[in-house]
Protein backbone atom coordinates (compact mmCIF):
# COMPACT_ATOMS: atom_id res chain seq x y z
CA UNK A 1 -8.92 26.76 8.67
CA UNK A 2 -12.23 24.91 9.05
CA UNK A 3 -15.44 26.91 8.62
CA UNK A 4 -16.81 27.25 12.17
CA UNK A 5 -19.36 29.98 12.85
CA UNK A 6 -18.14 31.89 15.88
CA UNK A 7 -17.01 35.39 16.67
CA UNK A 8 -13.45 34.20 17.41
CA UNK A 9 -11.09 32.65 14.91
CA UNK A 10 -10.70 28.90 15.48
CA UNK A 11 -7.12 28.24 14.55
CA UNK A 12 -5.13 25.39 16.12
CA UNK A 13 -4.27 27.26 19.33
CA UNK A 14 -7.82 28.40 20.09
CA UNK A 15 -9.36 25.04 19.22
CA UNK A 16 -7.17 23.25 21.73
CA UNK A 17 -7.18 25.91 24.44
CA UNK A 18 -10.25 28.07 24.78
CA UNK A 19 -13.25 25.94 25.76
CA UNK A 20 -14.00 22.99 28.02
CA UNK A 21 -13.68 19.73 26.13
CA UNK A 22 -12.39 16.19 26.41
CA UNK A 23 -8.70 15.48 25.81
CA UNK A 24 -8.97 13.92 22.39
CA UNK A 25 -8.40 14.92 18.80
CA UNK A 26 -11.05 13.54 16.43
CA UNK A 27 -9.86 12.89 12.88
CA UNK A 28 -12.27 14.36 10.30
CA UNK A 29 -10.00 14.58 7.27
CA UNK A 30 -7.66 11.60 6.82
CA UNK A 31 -8.62 8.33 5.12
CA UNK A 32 -7.81 4.98 6.68
CA UNK A 33 -4.65 3.27 5.47
CA UNK A 34 -5.60 -0.42 4.96
CA UNK A 35 -2.68 -1.30 2.69
CA UNK A 36 -0.04 0.48 4.77
CA UNK A 37 -1.46 -1.02 7.97
CA UNK A 38 -1.42 -4.50 6.41
CA UNK A 39 2.25 -4.13 5.47
CA UNK A 40 3.17 -3.14 9.04
CA UNK A 41 1.04 -5.73 10.82
CA UNK A 42 1.92 -8.74 8.67
CA UNK A 43 5.69 -8.61 8.67
CA UNK A 44 6.05 -6.97 5.25
CA UNK A 45 8.06 -4.01 6.55
CA UNK A 46 11.81 -4.60 6.72
CA UNK A 47 14.27 -2.23 8.37
CA UNK A 48 17.64 -1.72 6.72
CA UNK A 49 20.67 -0.08 8.31
CA UNK A 50 21.22 2.27 5.37
CA UNK A 51 23.27 2.12 2.20
CA UNK A 52 23.14 4.12 -0.99
CA UNK A 53 20.72 1.71 -2.70
CA UNK A 54 18.68 -1.40 -1.95
CA UNK A 55 19.85 -4.52 -3.79
CA UNK A 56 17.78 -7.67 -4.25
CA UNK A 57 19.60 -10.67 -5.76
CA UNK A 58 17.45 -12.59 -8.24
CA UNK A 59 17.62 -16.09 -9.71
CA UNK A 60 15.95 -16.17 -13.13
CA UNK A 61 17.58 -18.98 -15.14
CA UNK A 62 18.05 -22.73 -14.78
CA UNK A 63 21.19 -24.76 -15.27
CA UNK A 64 21.35 -27.80 -17.60
CA UNK A 65 20.39 -31.16 -16.13
CA UNK A 66 20.53 -34.33 -18.24
CA UNK A 67 20.29 -38.08 -17.97
CA UNK A 68 23.36 -40.10 -18.92
CA UNK A 69 24.87 -43.55 -18.97
CA UNK A 70 28.34 -45.01 -19.40
CA UNK A 71 30.79 -42.71 -21.15
CA UNK A 72 28.27 -40.12 -22.39
CA UNK A 73 29.73 -36.65 -22.80
CA UNK A 74 28.06 -34.25 -20.39
CA UNK A 75 27.42 -30.56 -21.00
CA UNK A 76 29.71 -28.14 -19.20
CA UNK A 77 28.22 -24.94 -20.64
CA UNK A 78 28.13 -22.07 -18.19
CA UNK A 79 24.74 -20.62 -17.39
CA UNK A 80 24.25 -17.12 -16.03
CA UNK A 81 20.73 -16.88 -14.61
CA UNK A 82 21.63 -14.65 -11.65
CA UNK A 83 21.17 -10.90 -11.55
CA UNK A 84 20.13 -8.16 -9.13
CA UNK A 85 17.41 -5.53 -8.86
CA UNK A 86 18.45 -2.11 -7.56
CA UNK A 87 16.10 0.28 -5.78
CA UNK A 88 16.81 3.85 -4.69
CA UNK A 89 15.90 5.09 -1.24
CA UNK A 90 13.24 7.78 -1.10
CA UNK A 91 12.67 10.25 1.72
CA UNK A 92 9.60 12.05 3.00
CA UNK A 93 9.21 14.67 5.71
CA UNK A 94 6.50 16.73 7.34
CA UNK A 95 7.05 19.74 9.64
CA UNK A 96 5.81 20.37 13.17
CA UNK A 97 5.70 24.12 13.63
CA UNK A 98 4.76 26.04 16.77
CA UNK A 99 5.28 29.67 17.76
CA UNK A 100 5.82 31.15 21.22
CA UNK A 101 2.40 32.79 21.40
CA UNK A 102 0.66 29.45 20.77
CA UNK A 103 2.79 27.78 23.44
CA UNK A 104 1.95 30.40 26.03
CA UNK A 105 -1.79 30.36 25.26
CA UNK A 106 -1.89 26.57 25.31
CA UNK A 107 -0.53 26.41 28.87
CA UNK A 108 -3.38 28.45 30.34
CA UNK A 109 -5.78 25.56 30.97
CA UNK A 110 -4.88 22.40 32.85
CA UNK A 111 -7.34 20.31 30.86
CA UNK A 112 -6.19 21.51 27.45
CA UNK A 113 -4.84 19.07 24.91
CA UNK A 114 -1.14 19.68 24.45
CA UNK A 115 -0.75 21.72 21.31
CA UNK A 116 2.60 20.10 20.65
CA UNK A 117 1.19 16.58 20.91
CA UNK A 118 -1.77 17.49 18.74
CA UNK A 119 0.41 18.98 16.05
CA UNK A 120 2.68 15.94 16.19
CA UNK A 121 -0.29 13.64 15.67
CA UNK A 122 -1.53 15.83 12.83
CA UNK A 123 1.88 15.69 11.13
CA UNK A 124 2.25 11.94 11.62
CA UNK A 125 -1.16 11.28 10.07
CA UNK A 126 -0.29 13.62 7.20
CA UNK A 127 2.89 11.66 6.49
CA UNK A 128 1.11 8.30 6.64
CA UNK A 129 -1.60 9.66 4.34
CA UNK A 130 1.00 10.80 1.80
CA UNK A 131 2.86 7.48 1.89
CA UNK A 132 -0.27 5.36 1.51
CA UNK A 133 -1.33 7.43 -1.51
CA UNK A 134 2.16 7.04 -3.01
CA UNK A 135 2.01 3.25 -2.61
CA UNK A 136 -0.95 3.18 -5.01
CA UNK A 137 0.57 5.66 -7.47
CA UNK A 138 3.38 5.54 -10.00
CA UNK A 139 6.76 7.00 -9.12
CA UNK A 140 7.06 10.71 -9.86
CA UNK A 141 9.77 13.20 -8.93
CA UNK A 142 11.27 12.12 -5.61
CA UNK A 143 8.39 9.87 -4.50
CA UNK A 144 8.75 6.16 -3.76
CA UNK A 145 7.66 3.42 -6.12
CA UNK A 146 4.02 2.41 -6.04
CA UNK A 147 1.88 -0.50 -7.13
CA UNK A 148 1.42 1.11 -10.54
CA UNK A 149 5.18 0.66 -11.04
CA UNK A 150 5.60 -2.79 -9.53
CA UNK A 151 2.31 -4.24 -10.81
CA UNK A 152 2.26 -2.27 -14.04
CA UNK A 153 -0.79 -1.81 -16.24
CA UNK A 154 1.21 -2.37 -19.43
CA UNK A 155 3.94 -4.77 -20.48
CA UNK A 156 7.59 -4.02 -21.13
CA UNK A 157 8.18 -1.58 -18.29
CA UNK A 158 11.53 -1.15 -16.57
CA UNK A 159 11.68 -1.66 -12.81
CA UNK A 160 14.78 -1.64 -10.59
CA UNK A 161 17.02 -1.44 -13.66
CA UNK A 162 15.52 -4.53 -15.33
CA UNK A 163 13.62 -4.12 -18.60
CA UNK A 164 10.70 -6.54 -18.81
CA UNK A 165 10.69 -6.28 -22.62
CA UNK A 166 13.95 -8.22 -22.73
CA UNK A 167 13.51 -10.11 -19.46
CA UNK A 168 9.99 -11.51 -19.68
CA UNK A 169 10.38 -13.32 -16.36
CA UNK A 170 10.21 -9.85 -14.76
CA UNK A 171 6.64 -9.22 -16.02
CA UNK A 172 3.77 -9.03 -13.57
CA UNK A 173 0.42 -10.63 -14.40
CA UNK A 174 -2.38 -8.44 -15.71
CA UNK A 175 -5.69 -8.39 -17.51
CA UNK A 176 -6.59 -5.22 -19.38
CA UNK A 177 -9.99 -6.41 -20.63
CA UNK A 178 -12.75 -3.86 -20.04
CA UNK A 179 -15.15 -5.70 -17.74
CA UNK A 180 -18.43 -4.78 -16.09
CA UNK A 181 -17.68 -6.24 -12.66
CA UNK A 182 -21.20 -7.22 -11.60
CA UNK A 183 -22.59 -8.14 -15.03
CA UNK A 184 -24.04 -11.67 -15.31
CA UNK A 185 -23.85 -14.20 -18.14
CA UNK A 186 -25.14 -17.76 -17.72
CA UNK A 187 -25.34 -17.17 -13.96
CA UNK A 188 -21.65 -16.25 -13.82
CA UNK A 189 -20.54 -12.83 -12.63
CA UNK A 190 -17.86 -11.28 -14.84
CA UNK A 191 -15.78 -9.75 -12.03
CA UNK A 192 -15.23 -12.86 -9.90
CA UNK A 193 -14.64 -14.93 -13.04
CA UNK A 194 -11.85 -12.57 -14.10
CA UNK A 195 -10.47 -12.59 -10.55
CA UNK A 196 -10.27 -16.37 -10.70
CA UNK A 197 -8.25 -16.26 -13.91
CA UNK A 198 -5.85 -13.70 -12.45
CA UNK A 199 -5.51 -15.76 -9.27
CA UNK A 200 -4.52 -18.85 -11.26
CA UNK A 201 -2.11 -16.94 -13.50
CA UNK A 202 -0.39 -15.40 -10.46
CA UNK A 203 -0.13 -18.76 -8.68
CA UNK A 204 2.00 -21.85 -8.92
CA UNK A 205 1.61 -24.72 -6.49
CA UNK A 206 1.47 -23.33 -2.97
CA UNK A 207 2.54 -19.88 -4.19
CA UNK A 208 -0.76 -18.00 -4.26
CA UNK A 209 -1.79 -14.37 -3.74
CA UNK A 210 -2.54 -13.46 -0.13
CA UNK A 211 -3.76 -9.86 -0.38
CA UNK A 212 -6.54 -8.48 -2.55
CA UNK A 213 -7.37 -4.78 -2.70
CA UNK A 214 -9.59 -2.68 -4.93
CA UNK A 215 -11.74 0.45 -4.81
CA UNK A 216 -14.80 0.99 -2.66
CA UNK A 217 -16.92 0.72 -5.82
CA UNK A 218 -15.93 -2.87 -6.60
CA UNK A 219 -15.88 -3.85 -2.94
CA UNK A 220 -19.52 -2.76 -2.80
CA UNK A 221 -20.35 -4.65 -5.98
CA UNK A 222 -18.70 -7.79 -4.59
CA UNK A 223 -20.83 -7.48 -1.45
CA UNK A 224 -23.90 -7.15 -3.65
CA UNK A 225 -22.97 -10.31 -5.56
CA UNK A 226 -22.61 -12.29 -2.33
CA UNK A 227 -25.88 -10.91 -0.97
CA UNK A 228 -27.81 -11.61 -4.15
CA UNK A 229 -30.74 -14.06 -4.41
CA UNK A 230 -28.74 -17.10 -5.46
CA UNK A 231 -26.21 -16.76 -2.66
CA UNK A 232 -28.97 -16.17 -0.12
CA UNK A 233 -30.56 -19.50 -1.08
CA UNK A 234 -27.19 -21.23 -0.76
CA UNK A 235 -26.70 -19.84 2.72
CA UNK A 236 -30.19 -20.89 3.76
CA UNK A 237 -29.63 -24.45 2.52
CA UNK A 238 -26.47 -24.67 4.63
CA UNK A 239 -28.36 -23.52 7.70
CA UNK A 240 -26.14 -20.48 8.14
CA UNK A 241 -27.91 -17.91 10.34
CA UNK A 242 -28.20 -14.49 8.74
CA UNK A 243 -26.24 -13.11 5.81
CA UNK A 244 -23.22 -10.81 6.10
CA UNK A 245 -20.81 -10.16 3.22
CA UNK A 246 -18.99 -7.42 5.12
CA UNK A 247 -15.93 -9.60 5.71
CA UNK A 248 -16.06 -11.24 2.31
CA UNK A 249 -13.19 -13.33 1.02
CA UNK A 250 -12.12 -14.63 -2.37
CA UNK A 251 -10.49 -18.07 -2.27
CA UNK A 252 -9.52 -17.45 1.32
CA UNK A 253 -8.16 -13.93 0.70
CA UNK A 254 -9.94 -11.05 2.47
CA UNK A 255 -11.43 -8.69 -0.13
CA UNK A 256 -10.30 -5.26 1.05
CA UNK A 257 -10.66 -1.77 -0.35
CA UNK A 258 -8.51 1.30 -0.06
CA UNK A 259 -9.66 4.77 -1.01
CA UNK A 260 -6.26 5.45 -2.58
CA UNK A 261 -6.60 2.54 -5.00
CA UNK A 262 -6.78 3.90 -8.58
CA UNK A 263 -10.14 3.81 -10.35
CA UNK A 264 -10.93 0.64 -12.30
CA UNK A 265 -8.17 -1.40 -10.63
CA UNK A 266 -8.03 -4.53 -8.53
CA UNK A 267 -4.67 -5.74 -7.21
CA UNK A 268 -3.99 -9.37 -6.31
CA UNK A 269 -0.67 -9.45 -4.45
CA UNK A 270 1.67 -12.04 -3.03
CA UNK A 271 3.23 -10.06 -0.21
CA UNK A 272 5.87 -12.73 0.44
CA UNK A 273 7.68 -11.03 -2.42
CA UNK A 274 6.51 -7.47 -1.79
CA UNK A 275 8.23 -5.48 0.96
CA UNK A 276 8.20 -1.96 2.29
CA UNK A 277 11.81 -1.12 3.16
CA UNK A 278 12.34 1.40 5.98
CA UNK A 279 15.70 2.99 6.73
CA UNK A 280 16.94 2.59 10.29
CA UNK A 281 17.01 5.95 12.06
CA UNK A 282 14.51 7.34 9.55
CA UNK A 283 11.58 5.24 10.71
CA UNK A 284 9.08 8.08 11.24
CA UNK A 285 11.76 9.72 13.37
CA UNK A 286 11.36 13.17 14.93
CA UNK A 287 14.17 15.67 14.52
CA UNK A 288 15.03 18.11 17.35
CA UNK A 289 13.13 21.40 17.44
CA UNK A 290 15.11 24.35 16.19
CA UNK A 291 14.43 28.08 16.39
CA UNK A 292 14.36 30.29 13.35
CA UNK A 293 16.86 33.12 13.60
CA UNK A 294 14.30 35.89 13.08
CA UNK A 295 11.12 34.39 14.54
CA UNK A 296 9.89 33.31 17.96
CA UNK A 297 8.90 29.94 16.57
CA UNK A 298 10.21 26.39 16.55
CA UNK A 299 10.14 23.76 13.83
CA UNK A 300 10.91 20.04 13.79
CA UNK A 301 10.38 17.36 11.18
CA UNK A 302 9.08 13.81 11.14
CA UNK A 303 11.10 11.96 8.51
CA UNK A 304 11.05 8.55 6.90
CA UNK A 305 13.34 6.82 4.42
CA UNK A 306 11.53 4.13 2.49
CA UNK A 307 10.98 2.22 -0.73
CA UNK A 308 8.44 -0.33 -1.97
CA UNK A 309 10.21 -3.27 -3.61
CA UNK A 310 9.56 -6.70 -5.07
CA UNK A 311 11.90 -9.61 -5.66
CA UNK A 312 9.39 -11.69 -7.65
CA UNK A 313 7.32 -9.53 -9.94
CA UNK A 314 5.52 -12.35 -11.74
CA UNK A 315 3.68 -13.29 -8.53
CA UNK A 316 1.84 -9.93 -8.54
CA UNK A 317 -1.33 -9.36 -10.58
CA UNK A 318 -3.71 -6.57 -11.53
CA UNK A 319 -7.03 -6.04 -13.28
CA UNK A 320 -6.86 -2.62 -14.93
CA UNK A 321 -10.19 -1.91 -16.66
CA UNK A 322 -13.07 -2.76 -14.34
CA UNK A 323 -16.29 -0.79 -14.63
């Protein structure tokens, strides 16, 4: 319960019932969810009807092509080169709990925010907060996979049943060099220089990263670099009015930050090959309210079945040791 200095106790029921106020619930606890929002808004969330596991078929080897003439003997050797990645579904839930006393008190004022709606919003935000944090973590217990699994800090990790030690084509790109992001040498900033190398290593032809996310610390340092003296002169020479690095980009990619991003990391992702799978019927669905047998209270759950997957790991990159 929040520390509010009054003579009455400000639990959920009193907060939404007792005094005159506008019908809104102001969030003062949850972080924003830039990565999760990006996945939903840019077509990177795919709904599946169910199934025990998620299977992604992969092509990793080439067949034999050769030039010939006349009666040359041609190779007929069979080539495998096709496999599959298997991902397990993961499930998350958050309760919505309300007792009879709260319901009765909440109905006393016509202008009161519905306690049920408020608790539903609170639970939904809690679930989104948990999922966004998991997407930047490594898998533990019954949680879903995160970027630390798919875009691993170290080589040779196993993902979706495929061991990258033996299958090097399943390695993501990384740079583990300890780097002071905004340090300068010969008028070149170390952070953007390292980002350029990672961008090139993660790219091939038109296949380039399209999402860049790091911590607030390095986002701020990148803003400082763009707003430094040299860049200011460049802007002035181009006749650009004012200077604003707030919506900064790197090679056309918006530089974003997420407060759940692990310290010292910067992820450069190609989301064409990175999907958040959602199970049909478990897409932040609300279960019916049920009464406990020995309490005048009701409980329901918001549930989601999900998994973060990739079908082309080598197009994902990470810097792991920024300072």
